[in-house]
Amino acid sequence: PLGKKMDEKSQQIWEQHAKDYEVTAKGVLLSAGGFIFNEEMLKQ
């Protein structure tokens, strides 16, 4: 719960400054970790 709350607080600050854009490339590597914090996927 603490981790989730701190993440939400940091996201609120981030959202105030974030902008959308696109990046293109010959290859895209997905190296974003696992899903141990996604309870829906764990159940699925």
PDB file of all heavy atoms in Angstrom:
ATOM      1  N   PRO A   1       0.810  -1.225   0.000  1.00  0.00           N
ATOM      2  CA  PRO A   1       0.000   0.000   0.000  1.00  0.00           C
ATOM      3  C   PRO A   1       0.843   1.275   0.000  1.00  0.00           C
ATOM      4  O   PRO A   1       0.504   2.255  -0.658  1.00  0.00           O
ATOM      5  CB  PRO A   1      -0.819  -0.126   1.293  1.00  0.00           C
ATOM      6  CG  PRO A   1      -0.879  -1.592   1.574  1.00  0.00           C
ATOM      7  CD  PRO A   1       0.444  -2.122   1.120  1.00  0.00           C
ATOM      8  N   LEU A   2       1.979   1.251   0.726  1.00  0.00           N
ATOM      9  CA  LEU A   2       2.860   2.409   0.754  1.00  0.00           C
ATOM     10  C   LEU A   2       3.478   2.642  -0.624  1.00  0.00           C
ATOM     11  O   LEU A   2       3.532   3.779  -1.114  1.00  0.00           O
ATOM     12  CB  LEU A   2       3.970   2.215   1.787  1.00  0.00           C
ATOM     13  CG  LEU A   2       5.041   3.315   1.847  1.00  0.00           C
ATOM     14  CD1 LEU A   2       4.423   4.639   2.262  1.00  0.00           C
ATOM     15  CD2 LEU A   2       6.168   2.927   2.798  1.00  0.00           C
ATOM     16  N   GLY A   3       3.933   1.560  -1.252  1.00  0.00           N
ATOM     17  CA  GLY A   3       4.518   1.673  -2.582  1.00  0.00           C
ATOM     18  C   GLY A   3       3.530   2.244  -3.584  1.00  0.00           C
ATOM     19  O   GLY A   3       3.865   3.108  -4.396  1.00  0.00           O
ATOM     20  N   LYS A   4       2.298   1.769  -3.498  1.00  0.00           N
ATOM     21  CA  LYS A   4       1.252   2.239  -4.417  1.00  0.00           C
ATOM     22  C   LYS A   4       0.946   3.710  -4.185  1.00  0.00           C
ATOM     23  O   LYS A   4       0.794   4.503  -5.127  1.00  0.00           O
ATOM     24  CB  LYS A   4      -0.008   1.399  -4.235  1.00  0.00           C
ATOM     25  CG  LYS A   4      -1.116   1.715  -5.226  1.00  0.00           C
ATOM     26  CD  LYS A   4      -2.305   0.786  -5.033  1.00  0.00           C
ATOM     27  CE  LYS A   4      -3.404   1.095  -6.035  1.00  0.00           C
ATOM     28  NZ  LYS A   4      -4.583   0.213  -5.838  1.00  0.00           N
ATOM     29  N   LYS A   5       0.861   4.103  -2.917  1.00  0.00           N
ATOM     30  CA  LYS A   5       0.552   5.494  -2.578  1.00  0.00           C
ATOM     31  C   LYS A   5       1.660   6.426  -3.053  1.00  0.00           C
ATOM     32  O   LYS A   5       1.402   7.497  -3.622  1.00  0.00           O
ATOM     33  CB  LYS A   5       0.345   5.636  -1.068  1.00  0.00           C
ATOM     34  CG  LYS A   5      -0.086   7.029  -0.633  1.00  0.00           C
ATOM     35  CD  LYS A   5      -0.360   7.070   0.871  1.00  0.00           C
ATOM     36  CE  LYS A   5      -0.824   8.461   1.289  1.00  0.00           C
ATOM     37  NZ  LYS A   5      -1.111   8.529   2.756  1.00  0.00           N
ATOM     38  N   MET A   6       2.917   6.048  -2.812  1.00  0.00           N
ATOM     39  CA  MET A   6       4.041   6.886  -3.231  1.00  0.00           C
ATOM     40  C   MET A   6       4.104   6.996  -4.756  1.00  0.00           C
ATOM     41  O   MET A   6       4.421   8.057  -5.306  1.00  0.00           O
ATOM     42  CB  MET A   6       5.362   6.315  -2.699  1.00  0.00           C
ATOM     43  CG  MET A   6       5.526   6.395  -1.190  1.00  0.00           C
ATOM     44  SD  MET A   6       5.578   8.096  -0.545  1.00  0.00           S
ATOM     45  CE  MET A   6       3.888   8.256   0.085  1.00  0.00           C
ATOM     46  N   ASP A   7       3.792   5.897  -5.432  1.00  0.00           N
ATOM     47  CA  ASP A   7       3.775   5.916  -6.895  1.00  0.00           C
ATOM     48  C   ASP A   7       2.700   6.863  -7.408  1.00  0.00           C
ATOM     49  O   ASP A   7       2.920   7.618  -8.360  1.00  0.00           O
ATOM     50  CB  ASP A   7       3.543   4.501  -7.431  1.00  0.00           C
ATOM     51  CG  ASP A   7       3.606   4.443  -8.950  1.00  0.00           C
ATOM     52  OD1 ASP A   7       4.629   4.888  -9.506  1.00  0.00           O
ATOM     53  OD2 ASP A   7       2.640   3.978  -9.579  1.00  0.00           O
ATOM     54  N   GLU A   8       1.532   6.822  -6.776  1.00  0.00           N
ATOM     55  CA  GLU A   8       0.443   7.719  -7.188  1.00  0.00           C
ATOM     56  C   GLU A   8       0.828   9.186  -6.990  1.00  0.00           C
ATOM     57  O   GLU A   8       0.553  10.030  -7.845  1.00  0.00           O
ATOM     58  CB  GLU A   8      -0.824   7.395  -6.390  1.00  0.00           C
ATOM     59  CG  GLU A   8      -1.477   6.082  -6.786  1.00  0.00           C
ATOM     60  CD  GLU A   8      -2.619   5.688  -5.866  1.00  0.00           C
ATOM     61  OE1 GLU A   8      -2.803   6.367  -4.831  1.00  0.00           O
ATOM     62  OE2 GLU A   8      -3.324   4.707  -6.182  1.00  0.00           O
ATOM     63  N   LYS A   9       1.485   9.491  -5.875  1.00  0.00           N
ATOM     64  CA  LYS A   9       1.901  10.870  -5.601  1.00  0.00           C
ATOM     65  C   LYS A   9       2.931  11.345  -6.633  1.00  0.00           C
ATOM     66  O   LYS A   9       2.863  12.473  -7.135  1.00  0.00           O
ATOM     67  CB  LYS A   9       2.492  10.968  -4.189  1.00  0.00           C
ATOM     68  CG  LYS A   9       1.453  11.003  -3.064  1.00  0.00           C
ATOM     69  CD  LYS A   9       2.146  11.121  -1.715  1.00  0.00           C
ATOM     70  CE  LYS A   9       1.143  11.320  -0.594  1.00  0.00           C
ATOM     71  NZ  LYS A   9       0.510  12.653  -0.663  1.00  0.00           N
ATOM     72  N   SER A  10       3.897  10.470  -6.944  1.00  0.00           N
ATOM     73  CA  SER A  10       4.911  10.857  -7.924  1.00  0.00           C
ATOM     74  C   SER A  10       4.288  11.016  -9.309  1.00  0.00           C
ATOM     75  O   SER A  10       4.666  11.919 -10.076  1.00  0.00           O
ATOM     76  CB  SER A  10       6.053   9.833  -7.953  1.00  0.00           C
ATOM     77  OG  SER A  10       5.599   8.568  -8.386  1.00  0.00           O
ATOM     78  N   GLN A  11       3.308  10.162  -9.630  1.00  0.00           N
ATOM     79  CA  GLN A  11       2.647  10.249 -10.937  1.00  0.00           C
ATOM     80  C   GLN A  11       1.850  11.539 -11.089  1.00  0.00           C
ATOM     81  O   GLN A  11       1.767  12.113 -12.177  1.00  0.00           O
ATOM     82  CB  GLN A  11       1.736   9.035 -11.148  1.00  0.00           C
ATOM     83  CG  GLN A  11       2.472   7.728 -11.371  1.00  0.00           C
ATOM     84  CD  GLN A  11       3.414   7.781 -12.545  1.00  0.00           C
ATOM     85  OE1 GLN A  11       3.040   8.180 -13.641  1.00  0.00           O
ATOM     86  NE2 GLN A  11       4.665   7.392 -12.319  1.00  0.00           N
ATOM     87  N   GLN A  12       1.255  11.995 -10.011  1.00  0.00           N
ATOM     88  CA  GLN A  12       0.496  13.243 -10.059  1.00  0.00           C
ATOM     89  C   GLN A  12       1.399  14.420 -10.413  1.00  0.00           C
ATOM     90  O   GLN A  12       1.032  15.289 -11.208  1.00  0.00           O
ATOM     91  CB  GLN A  12      -0.189  13.489  -8.711  1.00  0.00           C
ATOM     92  CG  GLN A  12      -1.367  12.565  -8.432  1.00  0.00           C
ATOM     93  CD  GLN A  12      -1.863  12.662  -7.000  1.00  0.00           C
ATOM     94  OE1 GLN A  12      -1.383  13.473  -6.210  1.00  0.00           O
ATOM     95  NE2 GLN A  12      -2.840  11.826  -6.652  1.00  0.00           N
ATOM     96  N   ILE A  13       2.589  14.438  -9.827  1.00  0.00           N
ATOM     97  CA  ILE A  13       3.547  15.503 -10.128  1.00  0.00           C
ATOM     98  C   ILE A  13       4.017  15.383 -11.567  1.00  0.00           C
ATOM     99  O   ILE A  13       4.086  16.376 -12.317  1.00  0.00           O
ATOM    100  CB  ILE A  13       4.746  15.438  -9.163  1.00  0.00           C
ATOM    101  CG1 ILE A  13       4.285  15.672  -7.723  1.00  0.00           C
ATOM    102  CG2 ILE A  13       5.812  16.448  -9.559  1.00  0.00           C
ATOM    103  CD1 ILE A  13       5.365  15.439  -6.691  1.00  0.00           C
ATOM    104  N   TRP A  14       4.328  14.172 -11.979  1.00  0.00           N
ATOM    105  CA  TRP A  14       4.819  13.905 -13.340  1.00  0.00           C
ATOM    106  C   TRP A  14       3.802  14.330 -14.389  1.00  0.00           C
ATOM    107  O   TRP A  14       4.145  14.948 -15.408  1.00  0.00           O
ATOM    108  CB  TRP A  14       5.138  12.417 -13.454  1.00  0.00           C
ATOM    109  CG  TRP A  14       5.500  11.931 -14.823  1.00  0.00           C
ATOM    110  CD1 TRP A  14       6.722  11.990 -15.415  1.00  0.00           C
ATOM    111  CD2 TRP A  14       4.630  11.290 -15.767  1.00  0.00           C
ATOM    112  NE1 TRP A  14       6.676  11.419 -16.667  1.00  0.00           N
ATOM    113  CE2 TRP A  14       5.405  10.981 -16.900  1.00  0.00           C
ATOM    114  CE3 TRP A  14       3.287  10.930 -15.756  1.00  0.00           C
ATOM    115  CZ2 TRP A  14       4.872  10.355 -18.020  1.00  0.00           C
ATOM    116  CZ3 TRP A  14       2.743  10.301 -16.871  1.00  0.00           C
ATOM    117  CH2 TRP A  14       3.528  10.017 -17.987  1.00  0.00           C
ATOM    118  N   GLU A  15       2.543  14.013 -14.145  1.00  0.00           N
ATOM    119  CA  GLU A  15       1.484  14.277 -15.118  1.00  0.00           C
ATOM    120  C   GLU A  15       1.350  15.766 -15.432  1.00  0.00           C
ATOM    121  O   GLU A  15       0.966  16.152 -16.551  1.00  0.00           O
ATOM    122  CB  GLU A  15       0.154  13.731 -14.595  1.00  0.00           C
ATOM    123  CG  GLU A  15      -0.968  13.655 -15.631  1.00  0.00           C
ATOM    124  CD  GLU A  15      -0.627  12.744 -16.793  1.00  0.00           C
ATOM    125  OE1 GLU A  15      -0.330  11.556 -16.565  1.00  0.00           O
ATOM    126  OE2 GLU A  15      -0.664  13.243 -17.940  1.00  0.00           O
ATOM    127  N   GLN A  16       1.683  16.589 -14.479  1.00  0.00           N
ATOM    128  CA  GLN A  16       1.573  18.046 -14.676  1.00  0.00           C
ATOM    129  C   GLN A  16       2.578  18.563 -15.707  1.00  0.00           C
ATOM    130  O   GLN A  16       2.395  19.642 -16.258  1.00  0.00           O
ATOM    131  CB  GLN A  16       1.795  18.759 -13.344  1.00  0.00           C
ATOM    132  CG  GLN A  16       0.735  18.477 -12.293  1.00  0.00           C
ATOM    133  CD  GLN A  16       1.120  19.028 -10.922  1.00  0.00           C
ATOM    134  OE1 GLN A  16       2.086  19.781 -10.798  1.00  0.00           O
ATOM    135  NE2 GLN A  16       0.375  18.648  -9.896  1.00  0.00           N
ATOM    136  N   HIS A  17       3.631  17.790 -15.963  1.00  0.00           N
ATOM    137  CA  HIS A  17       4.696  18.255 -16.844  1.00  0.00           C
ATOM    138  C   HIS A  17       4.874  17.390 -18.096  1.00  0.00           C
ATOM    139  O   HIS A  17       5.603  17.797 -19.017  1.00  0.00           O
ATOM    140  CB  HIS A  17       6.026  18.289 -16.081  1.00  0.00           C
ATOM    141  CG  HIS A  17       5.990  19.115 -14.837  1.00  0.00           C
ATOM    142  ND1 HIS A  17       6.258  20.464 -14.832  1.00  0.00           N
ATOM    143  CD2 HIS A  17       5.698  18.785 -13.544  1.00  0.00           C
ATOM    144  CE1 HIS A  17       6.142  20.940 -13.603  1.00  0.00           C
ATOM    145  NE2 HIS A  17       5.804  19.939 -12.804  1.00  0.00           N
ATOM    146  N   ALA A  18       4.255  16.212 -18.143  1.00  0.00           N
ATOM    147  CA  ALA A  18       4.498  15.253 -19.225  1.00  0.00           C
ATOM    148  C   ALA A  18       3.864  15.682 -20.547  1.00  0.00           C
ATOM    149  O   ALA A  18       2.807  16.324 -20.571  1.00  0.00           O
ATOM    150  CB  ALA A  18       3.986  13.875 -18.813  1.00  0.00           C
ATOM    151  N   LYS A  19       4.528  15.311 -21.648  1.00  0.00           N
ATOM    152  CA  LYS A  19       4.018  15.586 -22.990  1.00  0.00           C
ATOM    153  C   LYS A  19       4.107  14.321 -23.843  1.00  0.00           C
ATOM    154  O   LYS A  19       4.974  13.477 -23.642  1.00  0.00           O
ATOM    155  CB  LYS A  19       4.827  16.716 -23.635  1.00  0.00           C
ATOM    156  CG  LYS A  19       4.665  18.060 -22.944  1.00  0.00           C
ATOM    157  CD  LYS A  19       5.459  19.143 -23.669  1.00  0.00           C
ATOM    158  CE  LYS A  19       5.280  20.497 -22.978  1.00  0.00           C
ATOM    159  NZ  LYS A  19       6.054  21.561 -23.674  1.00  0.00           N
ATOM    160  N   ASP A  20       3.212  14.238 -24.825  1.00  0.00           N
ATOM    161  CA  ASP A  20       3.173  13.089 -25.728  1.00  0.00           C
ATOM    162  C   ASP A  20       4.094  13.308 -26.922  1.00  0.00           C
ATOM    163  O   ASP A  20       4.190  14.430 -27.450  1.00  0.00           O
ATOM    164  CB  ASP A  20       1.757  12.852 -26.240  1.00  0.00           C
ATOM    165  CG  ASP A  20       0.787  12.467 -25.129  1.00  0.00           C
ATOM    166  OD1 ASP A  20       1.181  11.654 -24.280  1.00  0.00           O
ATOM    167  OD2 ASP A  20      -0.347  12.993 -25.111  1.00  0.00           O
ATOM    168  N   TYR A  21       4.774  12.225 -27.345  1.00  0.00           N
ATOM    169  CA  TYR A  21       5.552  12.296 -28.577  1.00  0.00           C
ATOM    170  C   TYR A  21       5.799  10.876 -29.082  1.00  0.00           C
ATOM    171  O   TYR A  21       5.457   9.891 -28.410  1.00  0.00           O
ATOM    172  CB  TYR A  21       6.865  13.051 -28.383  1.00  0.00           C
ATOM    173  CG  TYR A  21       7.828  12.459 -27.380  1.00  0.00           C
ATOM    174  CD1 TYR A  21       8.890  11.639 -27.790  1.00  0.00           C
ATOM    175  CD2 TYR A  21       7.728  12.740 -26.013  1.00  0.00           C
ATOM    176  CE1 TYR A  21       9.794  11.118 -26.884  1.00  0.00           C
ATOM    177  CE2 TYR A  21       8.633  12.223 -25.097  1.00  0.00           C
ATOM    178  CZ  TYR A  21       9.660  11.414 -25.535  1.00  0.00           C
ATOM    179  OH  TYR A  21      10.545  10.899 -24.636  1.00  0.00           O
ATOM    180  N   GLU A  22       6.369  10.767 -30.269  1.00  0.00           N
ATOM    181  CA  GLU A  22       6.642   9.464 -30.873  1.00  0.00           C
ATOM    182  C   GLU A  22       8.123   9.342 -31.204  1.00  0.00           C
ATOM    183  O   GLU A  22       8.797  10.338 -31.491  1.00  0.00           O
ATOM    184  CB  GLU A  22       5.820   9.284 -32.155  1.00  0.00           C
ATOM    185  CG  GLU A  22       4.315   9.211 -31.910  1.00  0.00           C
ATOM    186  CD  GLU A  22       3.529   9.022 -33.190  1.00  0.00           C
ATOM    187  OE1 GLU A  22       4.160   8.992 -34.280  1.00  0.00           O
ATOM    188  OE2 GLU A  22       2.282   8.905 -33.111  1.00  0.00           O
ATOM    189  N   VAL A  23       8.612   8.097 -31.142  1.00  0.00           N
ATOM    190  CA  VAL A  23       9.997   7.800 -31.510  1.00  0.00           C
ATOM    191  C   VAL A  23       9.980   6.594 -32.437  1.00  0.00           C
ATOM    192  O   VAL A  23       9.301   5.603 -32.159  1.00  0.00           O
ATOM    193  CB  VAL A  23      10.868   7.491 -30.270  1.00  0.00           C
ATOM    194  CG1 VAL A  23      12.326   7.312 -30.680  1.00  0.00           C
ATOM    195  CG2 VAL A  23      10.749   8.582 -29.233  1.00  0.00           C
ATOM    196  N   THR A  24      10.708   6.656 -33.529  1.00  0.00           N
ATOM    197  CA  THR A  24      10.782   5.527 -34.459  1.00  0.00           C
ATOM    198  C   THR A  24      12.188   4.928 -34.455  1.00  0.00           C
ATOM    199  O   THR A  24      13.164   5.586 -34.071  1.00  0.00           O
ATOM    200  CB  THR A  24      10.412   5.964 -35.888  1.00  0.00           C
ATOM    201  OG1 THR A  24      11.322   6.987 -36.317  1.00  0.00           O
ATOM    202  CG2 THR A  24       8.988   6.499 -35.933  1.00  0.00           C
ATOM    203  N   ALA A  25      12.273   3.663 -34.883  1.00  0.00           N
ATOM    204  CA  ALA A  25      13.564   2.973 -34.892  1.00  0.00           C
ATOM    205  C   ALA A  25      13.470   1.687 -35.686  1.00  0.00           C
ATOM    206  O   ALA A  25      12.369   1.220 -36.024  1.00  0.00           O
ATOM    207  CB  ALA A  25      14.006   2.663 -33.461  1.00  0.00           C
ATOM    208  N   LYS A  26      14.627   1.090 -35.966  1.00  0.00           N
ATOM    209  CA  LYS A  26      14.665  -0.205 -36.653  1.00  0.00           C
ATOM    210  C   LYS A  26      14.218  -1.340 -35.732  1.00  0.00           C
ATOM    211  O   LYS A  26      13.716  -2.365 -36.184  1.00  0.00           O
ATOM    212  CB  LYS A  26      16.077  -0.495 -37.163  1.00  0.00           C
ATOM    213  CG  LYS A  26      16.610   0.504 -38.184  1.00  0.00           C
ATOM    214  CD  LYS A  26      18.005   0.100 -38.630  1.00  0.00           C
ATOM    215  CE  LYS A  26      18.578   1.076 -39.648  1.00  0.00           C
ATOM    216  NZ  LYS A  26      18.920   2.385 -39.037  1.00  0.00           N
ATOM    217  N   GLY A  27      14.450  -1.151 -34.425  1.00  0.00           N
ATOM    218  CA  GLY A  27      14.079  -2.193 -33.465  1.00  0.00           C
ATOM    219  C   GLY A  27      13.623  -1.598 -32.154  1.00  0.00           C
ATOM    220  O   GLY A  27      14.137  -0.561 -31.718  1.00  0.00           O
ATOM    221  N   VAL A  28      12.645  -2.249 -31.525  1.00  0.00           N
ATOM    222  CA  VAL A  28      12.157  -1.855 -30.208  1.00  0.00           C
ATOM    223  C   VAL A  28      12.361  -3.036 -29.259  1.00  0.00           C
ATOM    224  O   VAL A  28      11.871  -4.145 -29.532  1.00  0.00           O
ATOM    225  CB  VAL A  28      10.664  -1.465 -30.238  1.00  0.00           C
ATOM    226  CG1 VAL A  28      10.154  -1.204 -28.821  1.00  0.00           C
ATOM    227  CG2 VAL A  28      10.454  -0.239 -31.117  1.00  0.00           C
ATOM    228  N   LEU A  29      13.089  -2.808 -28.161  1.00  0.00           N
ATOM    229  CA  LEU A  29      13.332  -3.860 -27.178  1.00  0.00           C
ATOM    230  C   LEU A  29      12.477  -3.623 -25.942  1.00  0.00           C
ATOM    231  O   LEU A  29      12.562  -2.570 -25.308  1.00  0.00           O
ATOM    232  CB  LEU A  29      14.813  -3.883 -26.783  1.00  0.00           C
ATOM    233  CG  LEU A  29      15.185  -4.805 -25.616  1.00  0.00           C
ATOM    234  CD1 LEU A  29      14.916  -6.270 -25.962  1.00  0.00           C
ATOM    235  CD2 LEU A  29      16.639  -4.618 -25.209  1.00  0.00           C
ATOM    236  N   LEU A  30      11.659  -4.608 -25.593  1.00  0.00           N
ATOM    237  CA  LEU A  30      10.848  -4.555 -24.378  1.00  0.00           C
ATOM    238  C   LEU A  30      11.631  -5.215 -23.247  1.00  0.00           C
ATOM    239  O   LEU A  30      11.837  -6.433 -23.242  1.00  0.00           O
ATOM    240  CB  LEU A  30       9.516  -5.279 -24.600  1.00  0.00           C
ATOM    241  CG  LEU A  30       8.650  -4.738 -25.741  1.00  0.00           C
ATOM    242  CD1 LEU A  30       7.423  -5.632 -25.954  1.00  0.00           C
ATOM    243  CD2 LEU A  30       8.214  -3.298 -25.464  1.00  0.00           C
ATOM    244  N   SER A  31      12.098  -4.404 -22.319  1.00  0.00           N
ATOM    245  CA  SER A  31      12.873  -4.915 -21.174  1.00  0.00           C
ATOM    246  C   SER A  31      12.343  -4.239 -19.914  1.00  0.00           C
ATOM    247  O   SER A  31      13.100  -3.640 -19.152  1.00  0.00           O
ATOM    248  CB  SER A  31      14.364  -4.628 -21.374  1.00  0.00           C
ATOM    249  OG  SER A  31      14.590  -3.254 -21.644  1.00  0.00           O
ATOM    250  N   ALA A  32      11.038  -4.354 -19.728  1.00  0.00           N
ATOM    251  CA  ALA A  32      10.346  -3.606 -18.672  1.00  0.00           C
ATOM    252  C   ALA A  32      10.014  -4.440 -17.442  1.00  0.00           C
ATOM    253  O   ALA A  32       9.138  -4.074 -16.655  1.00  0.00           O
ATOM    254  CB  ALA A  32       9.066  -2.985 -19.241  1.00  0.00           C
ATOM    255  N   GLY A  33      10.700  -5.571 -17.275  1.00  0.00           N
ATOM    256  CA  GLY A  33      10.504  -6.375 -16.069  1.00  0.00           C
ATOM    257  C   GLY A  33       9.330  -7.326 -16.155  1.00  0.00           C
ATOM    258  O   GLY A  33       8.700  -7.504 -17.204  1.00  0.00           O
ATOM    259  N   GLY A  34       9.028  -7.951 -15.003  1.00  0.00           N
ATOM    260  CA  GLY A  34       7.955  -8.938 -14.927  1.00  0.00           C
ATOM    261  C   GLY A  34       6.627  -8.328 -14.515  1.00  0.00           C
ATOM    262  O   GLY A  34       6.372  -7.143 -14.764  1.00  0.00           O
ATOM    263  N   PHE A  35       5.781  -9.139 -13.832  1.00  0.00           N
ATOM    264  CA  PHE A  35       4.447  -8.641 -13.492  1.00  0.00           C
ATOM    265  C   PHE A  35       4.024  -9.022 -12.079  1.00  0.00           C
ATOM    266  O   PHE A  35       2.840  -9.185 -11.786  1.00  0.00           O
ATOM    267  CB  PHE A  35       3.416  -9.117 -14.520  1.00  0.00           C
ATOM    268  CG  PHE A  35       3.290 -10.608 -14.679  1.00  0.00           C
ATOM    269  CD1 PHE A  35       2.301 -11.324 -14.010  1.00  0.00           C
ATOM    270  CD2 PHE A  35       4.149 -11.313 -15.505  1.00  0.00           C
ATOM    271  CE1 PHE A  35       2.172 -12.696 -14.162  1.00  0.00           C
ATOM    272  CE2 PHE A  35       4.031 -12.690 -15.668  1.00  0.00           C
ATOM    273  CZ  PHE A  35       3.031 -13.381 -14.991  1.00  0.00           C
ATOM    274  N   ILE A  36       4.996  -9.112 -11.170  1.00  0.00           N
ATOM    275  CA  ILE A  36       4.675  -9.542  -9.822  1.00  0.00           C
ATOM    276  C   ILE A  36       3.792  -8.527  -9.089  1.00  0.00           C
ATOM    277  O   ILE A  36       3.108  -8.874  -8.122  1.00  0.00           O
ATOM    278  CB  ILE A  36       5.972  -9.824  -9.018  1.00  0.00           C
ATOM    279  CG1 ILE A  36       5.666 -10.554  -7.712  1.00  0.00           C
ATOM    280  CG2 ILE A  36       6.743  -8.537  -8.768  1.00  0.00           C
ATOM    281  CD1 ILE A  36       5.071 -11.915  -7.868  1.00  0.00           C
ATOM    282  N   PHE A  37       3.736  -7.283  -9.550  1.00  0.00           N
ATOM    283  CA  PHE A  37       2.887  -6.271  -8.912  1.00  0.00           C
ATOM    284  C   PHE A  37       1.549  -6.102  -9.630  1.00  0.00           C
ATOM    285  O   PHE A  37       0.795  -5.188  -9.298  1.00  0.00           O
ATOM    286  CB  PHE A  37       3.618  -4.927  -8.841  1.00  0.00           C
ATOM    287  CG  PHE A  37       4.515  -4.810  -7.634  1.00  0.00           C
ATOM    288  CD1 PHE A  37       5.806  -5.305  -7.663  1.00  0.00           C
ATOM    289  CD2 PHE A  37       4.068  -4.217  -6.469  1.00  0.00           C
ATOM    290  CE1 PHE A  37       6.641  -5.213  -6.556  1.00  0.00           C
ATOM    291  CE2 PHE A  37       4.890  -4.123  -5.353  1.00  0.00           C
ATOM    292  CZ  PHE A  37       6.177  -4.618  -5.397  1.00  0.00           C
ATOM    293  N   ASN A  38       1.255  -6.957 -10.586  1.00  0.00           N
ATOM    294  CA  ASN A  38      -0.026  -6.894 -11.294  1.00  0.00           C
ATOM    295  C   ASN A  38      -0.903  -8.057 -10.831  1.00  0.00           C
ATOM    296  O   ASN A  38      -0.782  -9.180 -11.330  1.00  0.00           O
ATOM    297  CB  ASN A  38       0.191  -6.955 -12.804  1.00  0.00           C
ATOM    298  CG  ASN A  38      -1.077  -6.675 -13.597  1.00  0.00           C
ATOM    299  OD1 ASN A  38      -2.171  -7.118 -13.223  1.00  0.00           O
ATOM    300  ND2 ASN A  38      -0.937  -5.956 -14.691  1.00  0.00           N
ATOM    301  N   GLU A  39      -1.773  -7.796  -9.878  1.00  0.00           N
ATOM    302  CA  GLU A  39      -2.584  -8.861  -9.286  1.00  0.00           C
ATOM    303  C   GLU A  39      -3.551  -9.479 -10.294  1.00  0.00           C
ATOM    304  O   GLU A  39      -3.833 -10.677 -10.235  1.00  0.00           O
ATOM    305  CB  GLU A  39      -3.335  -8.323  -8.071  1.00  0.00           C
ATOM    306  CG  GLU A  39      -2.411  -7.951  -6.916  1.00  0.00           C
ATOM    307  CD  GLU A  39      -3.155  -7.475  -5.679  1.00  0.00           C
ATOM    308  OE1 GLU A  39      -4.403  -7.513  -5.690  1.00  0.00           O
ATOM    309  OE2 GLU A  39      -2.487  -7.059  -4.712  1.00  0.00           O
ATOM    310  N   GLU A  40      -4.061  -8.670 -11.207  1.00  0.00           N
ATOM    311  CA  GLU A  40      -4.985  -9.196 -12.220  1.00  0.00           C
ATOM    312  C   GLU A  40      -4.292 -10.199 -13.129  1.00  0.00           C
ATOM    313  O   GLU A  40      -4.846 -11.256 -13.450  1.00  0.00           O
ATOM    314  CB  GLU A  40      -5.580  -8.051 -13.044  1.00  0.00           C
ATOM    315  CG  GLU A  40      -6.564  -7.189 -12.269  1.00  0.00           C
ATOM    316  CD  GLU A  40      -7.201  -6.126 -13.147  1.00  0.00           C
ATOM    317  OE1 GLU A  40      -6.956  -6.143 -14.374  1.00  0.00           O
ATOM    318  OE2 GLU A  40      -7.943  -5.282 -12.609  1.00  0.00           O
ATOM    319  N   MET A  41      -3.074  -9.888 -13.564  1.00  0.00           N
ATOM    320  CA  MET A  41      -2.339 -10.824 -14.418  1.00  0.00           C
ATOM    321  C   MET A  41      -1.966 -12.080 -13.655  1.00  0.00           C
ATOM    322  O   MET A  41      -2.029 -13.198 -14.201  1.00  0.00           O
ATOM    323  CB  MET A  41      -1.083 -10.154 -14.981  1.00  0.00           C
ATOM    324  CG  MET A  41      -1.348  -9.140 -16.074  1.00  0.00           C
ATOM    325  SD  MET A  41       0.179  -8.413 -16.754  1.00  0.00           S
ATOM    326  CE  MET A  41       0.865  -9.807 -17.687  1.00  0.00           C
ATOM    327  N   LEU A  42      -1.596 -11.942 -12.389  1.00  0.00           N
ATOM    328  CA  LEU A  42      -1.254 -13.116 -11.579  1.00  0.00           C
ATOM    329  C   LEU A  42      -2.448 -14.059 -11.480  1.00  0.00           C
ATOM    330  O   LEU A  42      -2.305 -15.280 -11.620  1.00  0.00           O
ATOM    331  CB  LEU A  42      -0.803 -12.679 -10.187  1.00  0.00           C
ATOM    332  CG  LEU A  42       0.551 -11.958 -10.101  1.00  0.00           C
ATOM    333  CD1 LEU A  42       0.744 -11.349  -8.719  1.00  0.00           C
ATOM    334  CD2 LEU A  42       1.704 -12.912 -10.420  1.00  0.00           C
ATOM    335  N   LYS A  43      -3.617 -13.496 -11.259  1.00  0.00           N
ATOM    336  CA  LYS A  43      -4.833 -14.318 -11.182  1.00  0.00           C
ATOM    337  C   LYS A  43      -5.169 -14.913 -12.543  1.00  0.00           C
ATOM    338  O   LYS A  43      -5.557 -16.075 -12.656  1.00  0.00           O
ATOM    339  CB  LYS A  43      -5.990 -13.468 -10.668  1.00  0.00           C
ATOM    340  CG  LYS A  43      -5.889 -13.078  -9.200  1.00  0.00           C
ATOM    341  CD  LYS A  43      -7.057 -12.188  -8.791  1.00  0.00           C
ATOM    342  CE  LYS A  43      -6.925 -11.756  -7.332  1.00  0.00           C
ATOM    343  NZ  LYS A  43      -8.013 -10.826  -6.937  1.00  0.00           N
ATOM    344  N   GLN A  44      -5.051 -14.104 -13.585  1.00  0.00           N
ATOM    345  CA  GLN A  44      -5.386 -14.552 -14.934  1.00  0.00           C
ATOM    346  C   GLN A  44      -4.595 -15.790 -15.344  1.00  0.00           C
ATOM    347  O   GLN A  44      -5.142 -16.718 -15.956  1.00  0.00           O
ATOM    348  CB  GLN A  44      -5.121 -13.423 -15.934  1.00  0.00           C
ATOM    349  CG  GLN A  44      -5.378 -13.801 -17.395  1.00  0.00           C
ATOM    350  CD  GLN A  44      -4.984 -12.688 -18.346  1.00  0.00           C
ATOM    351  OE1 GLN A  44      -4.635 -11.573 -17.925  1.00  0.00           O
ATOM    352  NE2 GLN A  44      -5.033 -12.963 -19.635  1.00  0.00           N
TER     353      GLN A  44
END
